[in-house]
Amino acid sequence: MSKLVFIGLLMFGAWLLLRRNPPALTIDEKEARAILGVDTAADAEAIRAAHRRLVSAVHPDRGGSAELARRINAARDVLLKRRN
């Protein structure tokens, strides 16, 4: 196997791993609230409702962006963890 093919296969494998397991997002509570458009008094149900509304609009299956959906999911997770 030539070196070029070997390097290409290694790069493809690395791309597949990163695609499946992207680096974790680190966002703070203030940014999470801004992303979801909720205030500090929002309860868990309001957070989930905002998440559903936003993620349905930007989901990759509906022609949206995977990165936006990922950020919205991370915002939901940050705010729900703070509530517990």
PDB file of N, CA and C in Angstrom:
ATOM      1  N   MET A   1       0.856  -1.169   0.000  1.00  0.00           N
ATOM      2  CA  MET A   1       0.000   0.000   0.000  1.00  0.00           C
ATOM      3  C   MET A   1       0.901   1.230   0.000  1.00  0.00           C
ATOM      4  N   SER A   2       0.585   2.164  -0.849  1.00  0.00           N
ATOM      5  CA  SER A   2       1.424   3.360  -0.920  1.00  0.00           C
ATOM      6  C   SER A   2       1.189   4.251   0.299  1.00  0.00           C
ATOM      7  N   LYS A   3       2.170   5.072   0.564  1.00  0.00           N
ATOM      8  CA  LYS A   3       2.074   5.981   1.704  1.00  0.00           C
ATOM      9  C   LYS A   3       0.900   6.940   1.564  1.00  0.00           C
ATOM     10  N   LEU A   4       0.638   7.388   0.357  1.00  0.00           N
ATOM     11  CA  LEU A   4      -0.443   8.341   0.122  1.00  0.00           C
ATOM     12  C   LEU A   4      -1.804   7.722   0.435  1.00  0.00           C
ATOM     13  N   VAL A   5      -2.014   6.491   0.028  1.00  0.00           N
ATOM     14  CA  VAL A   5      -3.276   5.797   0.314  1.00  0.00           C
ATOM     15  C   VAL A   5      -3.412   5.573   1.810  1.00  0.00           C
ATOM     16  N   PHE A   6      -2.322   5.177   2.452  1.00  0.00           N
ATOM     17  CA  PHE A   6      -2.346   4.936   3.890  1.00  0.00           C
ATOM     18  C   PHE A   6      -2.706   6.211   4.657  1.00  0.00           C
ATOM     19  N   ILE A   7      -2.080   7.317   4.282  1.00  0.00           N
ATOM     20  CA  ILE A   7      -2.376   8.599   4.942  1.00  0.00           C
ATOM     21  C   ILE A   7      -3.819   9.004   4.681  1.00  0.00           C
ATOM     22  N   GLY A   8      -4.297   8.776   3.469  1.00  0.00           N
ATOM     23  CA  GLY A   8      -5.682   9.092   3.150  1.00  0.00           C
ATOM     24  C   GLY A   8      -6.660   8.297   3.991  1.00  0.00           C
ATOM     25  N   LEU A   9      -6.366   7.007   4.177  1.00  0.00           N
ATOM     26  CA  LEU A   9      -7.238   6.169   5.012  1.00  0.00           C
ATOM     27  C   LEU A   9      -7.206   6.609   6.469  1.00  0.00           C
ATOM     28  N   LEU A  10      -6.039   6.980   6.968  1.00  0.00           N
ATOM     29  CA  LEU A  10      -5.941   7.486   8.339  1.00  0.00           C
ATOM     30  C   LEU A  10      -6.749   8.764   8.520  1.00  0.00           C
ATOM     31  N   MET A  11      -6.641   9.664   7.565  1.00  0.00           N
ATOM     32  CA  MET A  11      -7.378  10.928   7.653  1.00  0.00           C
ATOM     33  C   MET A  11      -8.886  10.684   7.579  1.00  0.00           C
ATOM     34  N   PHE A  12      -9.290   9.756   6.725  1.00  0.00           N
ATOM     35  CA  PHE A  12     -10.713   9.438   6.620  1.00  0.00           C
ATOM     36  C   PHE A  12     -11.227   8.839   7.929  1.00  0.00           C
ATOM     37  N   GLY A  13     -10.448   7.959   8.530  1.00  0.00           N
ATOM     38  CA  GLY A  13     -10.827   7.374   9.816  1.00  0.00           C
ATOM     39  C   GLY A  13     -10.943   8.426  10.905  1.00  0.00           C
ATOM     40  N   ALA A  14      -9.993   9.354  10.933  1.00  0.00           N
ATOM     41  CA  ALA A  14     -10.051  10.435  11.923  1.00  0.00           C
ATOM     42  C   ALA A  14     -11.278  11.303  11.697  1.00  0.00           C
ATOM     43  N   TRP A  15     -11.593  11.581  10.451  1.00  0.00           N
ATOM     44  CA  TRP A  15     -12.776  12.384  10.137  1.00  0.00           C
ATOM     45  C   TRP A  15     -14.041  11.676  10.610  1.00  0.00           C
ATOM     46  N   LEU A  16     -14.123  10.363  10.386  1.00  0.00           N
ATOM     47  CA  LEU A  16     -15.296   9.612  10.839  1.00  0.00           C
ATOM     48  C   LEU A  16     -15.445   9.661  12.355  1.00  0.00           C
ATOM     49  N   LEU A  17     -14.340   9.509  13.076  1.00  0.00           N
ATOM     50  CA  LEU A  17     -14.398   9.563  14.541  1.00  0.00           C
ATOM     51  C   LEU A  17     -14.845  10.929  15.037  1.00  0.00           C
ATOM     52  N   LEU A  18     -14.297  11.983  14.462  1.00  0.00           N
ATOM     53  CA  LEU A  18     -14.695  13.332  14.877  1.00  0.00           C
ATOM     54  C   LEU A  18     -16.130  13.631  14.509  1.00  0.00           C
ATOM     55  N   ARG A  19     -16.579  13.104  13.396  1.00  0.00           N
ATOM     56  CA  ARG A  19     -17.950  13.326  12.963  1.00  0.00           C
ATOM     57  C   ARG A  19     -18.932  12.660  13.922  1.00  0.00           C
ATOM     58  N   ARG A  20     -18.580  11.489  14.391  1.00  0.00           N
ATOM     59  CA  ARG A  20     -19.466  10.764  15.313  1.00  0.00           C
ATOM     60  C   ARG A  20     -19.385  11.313  16.730  1.00  0.00           C
ATOM     61  N   ASN A  21     -18.230  11.750  17.152  1.00  0.00           N
ATOM     62  CA  ASN A  21     -18.013  12.244  18.505  1.00  0.00           C
ATOM     63  C   ASN A  21     -17.383  13.633  18.465  1.00  0.00           C
ATOM     64  N   PRO A  22     -18.177  14.648  18.114  1.00  0.00           N
ATOM     65  CA  PRO A  22     -17.602  15.991  18.059  1.00  0.00           C
ATOM     66  C   PRO A  22     -17.199  16.465  19.451  1.00  0.00           C
ATOM     67  N   PRO A  23     -16.249  17.357  19.526  1.00  0.00           N
ATOM     68  CA  PRO A  23     -15.841  17.878  20.835  1.00  0.00           C
ATOM     69  C   PRO A  23     -17.032  18.507  21.562  1.00  0.00           C
ATOM     70  N   ALA A  24     -17.047  18.355  22.865  1.00  0.00           N
ATOM     71  CA  ALA A  24     -18.150  18.876  23.667  1.00  0.00           C
ATOM     72  C   ALA A  24     -18.163  20.405  23.627  1.00  0.00           C
ATOM     73  N   LEU A  25     -19.359  20.957  23.570  1.00  0.00           N
ATOM     74  CA  LEU A  25     -19.504  22.404  23.616  1.00  0.00           C
ATOM     75  C   LEU A  25     -19.430  22.867  25.058  1.00  0.00           C
ATOM     76  N   THR A  26     -18.779  23.962  25.273  1.00  0.00           N
ATOM     77  CA  THR A  26     -18.748  24.554  26.603  1.00  0.00           C
ATOM     78  C   THR A  26     -19.396  25.924  26.509  1.00  0.00           C
ATOM     79  N   ILE A  27     -20.633  25.988  26.954  1.00  0.00           N
ATOM     80  CA  ILE A  27     -21.339  27.263  26.986  1.00  0.00           C
ATOM     81  C   ILE A  27     -21.781  27.517  28.410  1.00  0.00           C
ATOM     82  N   ASP A  28     -21.848  28.773  28.774  1.00  0.00           N
ATOM     83  CA  ASP A  28     -22.280  29.107  30.126  1.00  0.00           C
ATOM     84  C   ASP A  28     -23.794  29.311  30.157  1.00  0.00           C
ATOM     85  N   GLU A  29     -24.311  29.518  31.351  1.00  0.00           N
ATOM     86  CA  GLU A  29     -25.758  29.635  31.527  1.00  0.00           C
ATOM     87  C   GLU A  29     -26.321  30.859  30.813  1.00  0.00           C
ATOM     88  N   LYS A  30     -25.587  31.958  30.827  1.00  0.00           N
ATOM     89  CA  LYS A  30     -26.059  33.175  30.168  1.00  0.00           C
ATOM     90  C   LYS A  30     -26.203  32.960  28.661  1.00  0.00           C
ATOM     91  N   GLU A  31     -25.206  32.335  28.052  1.00  0.00           N
ATOM     92  CA  GLU A  31     -25.264  32.055  26.623  1.00  0.00           C
ATOM     93  C   GLU A  31     -26.377  31.056  26.308  1.00  0.00           C
ATOM     94  N   ALA A  32     -26.556  30.068  27.172  1.00  0.00           N
ATOM     95  CA  ALA A  32     -27.614  29.076  26.963  1.00  0.00           C
ATOM     96  C   ALA A  32     -28.991  29.741  26.992  1.00  0.00           C
ATOM     97  N   ARG A  33     -29.187  30.662  27.925  1.00  0.00           N
ATOM     98  CA  ARG A  33     -30.466  31.378  27.992  1.00  0.00           C
ATOM     99  C   ARG A  33     -30.682  32.235  26.750  1.00  0.00           C
ATOM    100  N   ALA A  34     -29.619  32.843  26.258  1.00  0.00           N
ATOM    101  CA  ALA A  34     -29.728  33.659  25.041  1.00  0.00           C
ATOM    102  C   ALA A  34     -30.064  32.786  23.829  1.00  0.00           C
ATOM    103  N   ILE A  35     -29.460  31.624  23.737  1.00  0.00           N
ATOM    104  CA  ILE A  35     -29.725  30.728  22.613  1.00  0.00           C
ATOM    105  C   ILE A  35     -31.184  30.294  22.607  1.00  0.00           C
ATOM    106  N   LEU A  36     -31.685  29.882  23.776  1.00  0.00           N
ATOM    107  CA  LEU A  36     -33.065  29.397  23.854  1.00  0.00           C
ATOM    108  C   LEU A  36     -34.088  30.516  23.987  1.00  0.00           C
ATOM    109  N   GLY A  37     -33.641  31.704  24.344  1.00  0.00           N
ATOM    110  CA  GLY A  37     -34.559  32.822  24.481  1.00  0.00           C
ATOM    111  C   GLY A  37     -35.444  32.722  25.708  1.00  0.00           C
ATOM    112  N   VAL A  38     -34.890  32.209  26.803  1.00  0.00           N
ATOM    113  CA  VAL A  38     -35.641  32.098  28.055  1.00  0.00           C
ATOM    114  C   VAL A  38     -34.968  32.964  29.117  1.00  0.00           C
ATOM    115  N   ASP A  39     -35.746  33.366  30.109  1.00  0.00           N
ATOM    116  CA  ASP A  39     -35.179  34.185  31.174  1.00  0.00           C
ATOM    117  C   ASP A  39     -34.799  33.317  32.366  1.00  0.00           C
ATOM    118  N   THR A  40     -34.318  33.962  33.417  1.00  0.00           N
ATOM    119  CA  THR A  40     -33.842  33.226  34.588  1.00  0.00           C
ATOM    120  C   THR A  40     -34.963  32.537  35.350  1.00  0.00           C
ATOM    121  N   ALA A  41     -36.194  32.989  35.157  1.00  0.00           N
ATOM    122  CA  ALA A  41     -37.330  32.396  35.859  1.00  0.00           C
ATOM    123  C   ALA A  41     -37.932  31.203  35.106  1.00  0.00           C
ATOM    124  N   ALA A  42     -37.390  30.848  33.974  1.00  0.00           N
ATOM    125  CA  ALA A  42     -37.950  29.754  33.167  1.00  0.00           C
ATOM    126  C   ALA A  42     -37.813  28.427  33.898  1.00  0.00           C
ATOM    127  N   ASP A  43     -38.908  27.691  33.947  1.00  0.00           N
ATOM    128  CA  ASP A  43     -38.867  26.367  34.556  1.00  0.00           C
ATOM    129  C   ASP A  43     -38.460  25.330  33.510  1.00  0.00           C
ATOM    130  N   ALA A  44     -38.360  24.080  33.936  1.00  0.00           N
ATOM    131  CA  ALA A  44     -37.903  23.010  33.048  1.00  0.00           C
ATOM    132  C   ALA A  44     -38.824  22.853  31.837  1.00  0.00           C
ATOM    133  N   GLU A  45     -40.115  23.005  32.038  1.00  0.00           N
ATOM    134  CA  GLU A  45     -41.056  22.854  30.921  1.00  0.00           C
ATOM    135  C   GLU A  45     -40.887  23.975  29.896  1.00  0.00           C
ATOM    136  N   ALA A  46     -40.646  25.198  30.363  1.00  0.00           N
ATOM    137  CA  ALA A  46     -40.420  26.320  29.436  1.00  0.00           C
ATOM    138  C   ALA A  46     -39.117  26.123  28.655  1.00  0.00           C
ATOM    139  N   ILE A  47     -38.100  25.586  29.311  1.00  0.00           N
ATOM    140  CA  ILE A  47     -36.828  25.302  28.641  1.00  0.00           C
ATOM    141  C   ILE A  47     -37.035  24.243  27.567  1.00  0.00           C
ATOM    142  N   ARG A  48     -37.748  23.176  27.910  1.00  0.00           N
ATOM    143  CA  ARG A  48     -38.013  22.109  26.934  1.00  0.00           C
ATOM    144  C   ARG A  48     -38.862  22.614  25.764  1.00  0.00           C
ATOM    145  N   ALA A  49     -39.839  23.471  26.040  1.00  0.00           N
ATOM    146  CA  ALA A  49     -40.688  24.006  24.974  1.00  0.00           C
ATOM    147  C   ALA A  49     -39.880  24.882  24.017  1.00  0.00           C
ATOM    148  N   ALA A  50     -39.002  25.723  24.567  1.00  0.00           N
ATOM    149  CA  ALA A  50     -38.155  26.564  23.730  1.00  0.00           C
ATOM    150  C   ALA A  50     -37.215  25.696  22.895  1.00  0.00           C
ATOM    151  N   HIS A  51     -36.682  24.654  23.505  1.00  0.00           N
ATOM    152  CA  HIS A  51     -35.797  23.734  22.785  1.00  0.00           C
ATOM    153  C   HIS A  51     -36.540  23.073  21.627  1.00  0.00           C
ATOM    154  N   ARG A  52     -37.726  22.547  21.889  1.00  0.00           N
ATOM    155  CA  ARG A  52     -38.499  21.877  20.822  1.00  0.00           C
ATOM    156  C   ARG A  52     -38.802  22.836  19.680  1.00  0.00           C
ATOM    157  N   ARG A  53     -39.191  24.048  20.011  1.00  0.00           N
ATOM    158  CA  ARG A  53     -39.531  25.039  18.991  1.00  0.00           C
ATOM    159  C   ARG A  53     -38.326  25.360  18.108  1.00  0.00           C
ATOM    160  N   LEU A  54     -37.198  25.578  18.731  1.00  0.00           N
ATOM    161  CA  LEU A  54     -36.009  25.962  17.972  1.00  0.00           C
ATOM    162  C   LEU A  54     -35.406  24.794  17.195  1.00  0.00           C
ATOM    163  N   VAL A  55     -35.304  23.648  17.834  1.00  0.00           N
ATOM    164  CA  VAL A  55     -34.641  22.526  17.164  1.00  0.00           C
ATOM    165  C   VAL A  55     -35.476  22.009  15.999  1.00  0.00           C
ATOM    166  N   SER A  56     -36.784  22.154  16.073  1.00  0.00           N
ATOM    167  CA  SER A  56     -37.612  21.719  14.939  1.00  0.00           C
ATOM    168  C   SER A  56     -37.382  22.609  13.723  1.00  0.00           C
ATOM    169  N   ALA A  57     -36.991  23.850  13.962  1.00  0.00           N
ATOM    170  CA  ALA A  57     -36.753  24.775  12.853  1.00  0.00           C
ATOM    171  C   ALA A  57     -35.378  24.598  12.215  1.00  0.00           C
ATOM    172  N   VAL A  58     -34.388  24.134  12.981  1.00  0.00           N
ATOM    173  CA  VAL A  58     -33.021  24.056  12.453  1.00  0.00           C
ATOM    174  C   VAL A  58     -32.488  22.631  12.341  1.00  0.00           C
ATOM    175  N   HIS A  59     -33.333  21.640  12.546  1.00  0.00           N
ATOM    176  CA  HIS A  59     -32.861  20.251  12.514  1.00  0.00           C
ATOM    177  C   HIS A  59     -32.318  19.896  11.133  1.00  0.00           C
ATOM    178  N   PRO A  60     -31.210  19.159  11.081  1.00  0.00           N
ATOM    179  CA  PRO A  60     -30.614  18.788   9.789  1.00  0.00           C
ATOM    180  C   PRO A  60     -31.552  17.987   8.886  1.00  0.00           C
ATOM    181  N   ASP A  61     -32.449  17.212   9.455  1.00  0.00           N
ATOM    182  CA  ASP A  61     -33.390  16.440   8.647  1.00  0.00           C
ATOM    183  C   ASP A  61     -34.379  17.335   7.902  1.00  0.00           C
ATOM    184  N   ARG A  62     -34.499  18.568   8.344  1.00  0.00           N
ATOM    185  CA  ARG A  62     -35.411  19.514   7.702  1.00  0.00           C
ATOM    186  C   ARG A  62     -34.642  20.584   6.941  1.00  0.00           C
ATOM    187  N   GLY A  63     -33.396  20.284   6.595  1.00  0.00           N
ATOM    188  CA  GLY A  63     -32.590  21.216   5.822  1.00  0.00           C
ATOM    189  C   GLY A  63     -31.833  22.231   6.650  1.00  0.00           C
ATOM    190  N   GLY A  64     -31.827  22.048   7.962  1.00  0.00           N
ATOM    191  CA  GLY A  64     -31.122  22.987   8.832  1.00  0.00           C
ATOM    192  C   GLY A  64     -29.675  22.607   9.052  1.00  0.00           C
ATOM    193  N   SER A  65     -29.101  23.211  10.044  1.00  0.00           N
ATOM    194  CA  SER A  65     -27.682  23.043  10.334  1.00  0.00           C
ATOM    195  C   SER A  65     -27.471  22.110  11.521  1.00  0.00           C
ATOM    196  N   ALA A  66     -26.575  21.158  11.355  1.00  0.00           N
ATOM    197  CA  ALA A  66     -26.243  20.245  12.455  1.00  0.00           C
ATOM    198  C   ALA A  66     -25.581  21.012  13.595  1.00  0.00           C
ATOM    199  N   GLU A  67     -24.772  22.011  13.268  1.00  0.00           N
ATOM    200  CA  GLU A  67     -24.094  22.788  14.301  1.00  0.00           C
ATOM    201  C   GLU A  67     -25.094  23.610  15.119  1.00  0.00           C
ATOM    202  N   LEU A  68     -26.082  24.208  14.480  1.00  0.00           N
ATOM    203  CA  LEU A  68     -27.102  24.952  15.237  1.00  0.00           C
ATOM    204  C   LEU A  68     -27.896  24.020  16.140  1.00  0.00           C
ATOM    205  N   ALA A  69     -28.281  22.868  15.625  1.00  0.00           N
ATOM    206  CA  ALA A  69     -29.011  21.899  16.445  1.00  0.00           C
ATOM    207  C   ALA A  69     -28.160  21.457  17.630  1.00  0.00           C
ATOM    208  N   ARG A  70     -26.876  21.292  17.403  1.00  0.00           N
ATOM    209  CA  ARG A  70     -25.966  20.893  18.476  1.00  0.00           C
ATOM    210  C   ARG A  70     -25.887  21.970  19.563  1.00  0.00           C
ATOM    211  N   ARG A  71     -25.820  23.234  19.146  1.00  0.00           N
ATOM    212  CA  ARG A  71     -25.756  24.327  20.125  1.00  0.00           C
ATOM    213  C   ARG A  71     -27.058  24.444  20.923  1.00  0.00           C
ATOM    214  N   ILE A  72     -28.180  24.246  20.248  1.00  0.00           N
ATOM    215  CA  ILE A  72     -29.476  24.298  20.931  1.00  0.00           C
ATOM    216  C   ILE A  72     -29.588  23.157  21.934  1.00  0.00           C
ATOM    217  N   ASN A  73     -29.144  21.981  21.546  1.00  0.00           N
ATOM    218  CA  ASN A  73     -29.166  20.839  22.467  1.00  0.00           C
ATOM    219  C   ASN A  73     -28.257  21.086  23.669  1.00  0.00           C
ATOM    220  N   ALA A  74     -27.086  21.665  23.427  1.00  0.00           N
ATOM    221  CA  ALA A  74     -26.165  21.957  24.523  1.00  0.00           C
ATOM    222  C   ALA A  74     -26.766  22.992  25.474  1.00  0.00           C
ATOM    223  N   ALA A  75     -27.444  23.994  24.929  1.00  0.00           N
ATOM    224  CA  ALA A  75     -28.083  25.016  25.771  1.00  0.00           C
ATOM    225  C   ALA A  75     -29.147  24.386  26.654  1.00  0.00           C
ATOM    226  N   ARG A  76     -29.961  23.508  26.065  1.00  0.00           N
ATOM    227  CA  ARG A  76     -30.974  22.818  26.863  1.00  0.00           C
ATOM    228  C   ARG A  76     -30.335  22.017  27.987  1.00  0.00           C
ATOM    229  N   ASP A  77     -29.281  21.291  27.675  1.00  0.00           N
ATOM    230  CA  ASP A  77     -28.627  20.448  28.670  1.00  0.00           C
ATOM    231  C   ASP A  77     -28.051  21.280  29.816  1.00  0.00           C
ATOM    232  N   VAL A  78     -27.418  22.404  29.475  1.00  0.00           N
ATOM    233  CA  VAL A  78     -26.836  23.275  30.504  1.00  0.00           C
ATOM    234  C   VAL A  78     -27.924  23.793  31.441  1.00  0.00           C
ATOM    235  N   LEU A  79     -29.021  24.274  30.865  1.00  0.00           N
ATOM    236  CA  LEU A  79     -30.076  24.862  31.707  1.00  0.00           C
ATOM    237  C   LEU A  79     -30.816  23.816  32.521  1.00  0.00           C
ATOM    238  N   LEU A  80     -31.032  22.646  31.964  1.00  0.00           N
ATOM    239  CA  LEU A  80     -31.732  21.613  32.733  1.00  0.00           C
ATOM    240  C   LEU A  80     -30.855  21.055  33.849  1.00  0.00           C
ATOM    241  N   LYS A  81     -29.556  20.995  33.644  1.00  0.00           N
ATOM    242  CA  LYS A  81     -28.654  20.538  34.706  1.00  0.00           C
ATOM    243  C   LYS A  81     -28.633  21.545  35.841  1.00  0.00           C
ATOM    244  N   ARG A  82     -28.720  22.827  35.523  1.00  0.00           N
ATOM    245  CA  ARG A  82     -28.746  23.866  36.563  1.00  0.00           C
ATOM    246  C   ARG A  82     -30.013  23.788  37.400  1.00  0.00           C
ATOM    247  N   ARG A  83     -31.079  23.309  36.802  1.00  0.00           N
ATOM    248  CA  ARG A  83     -32.374  23.236  37.502  1.00  0.00           C
ATOM    249  C   ARG A  83     -32.375  22.086  38.515  1.00  0.00           C
ATOM    250  N   ASN A  84     -31.550  21.088  38.306  1.00  0.00           N
ATOM    251  CA  ASN A  84     -31.550  19.904  39.196  1.00  0.00           C
ATOM    252  C   ASN A  84     -30.636  20.078  40.365  1.00  0.00           C
TER     253      ASN A  84
END
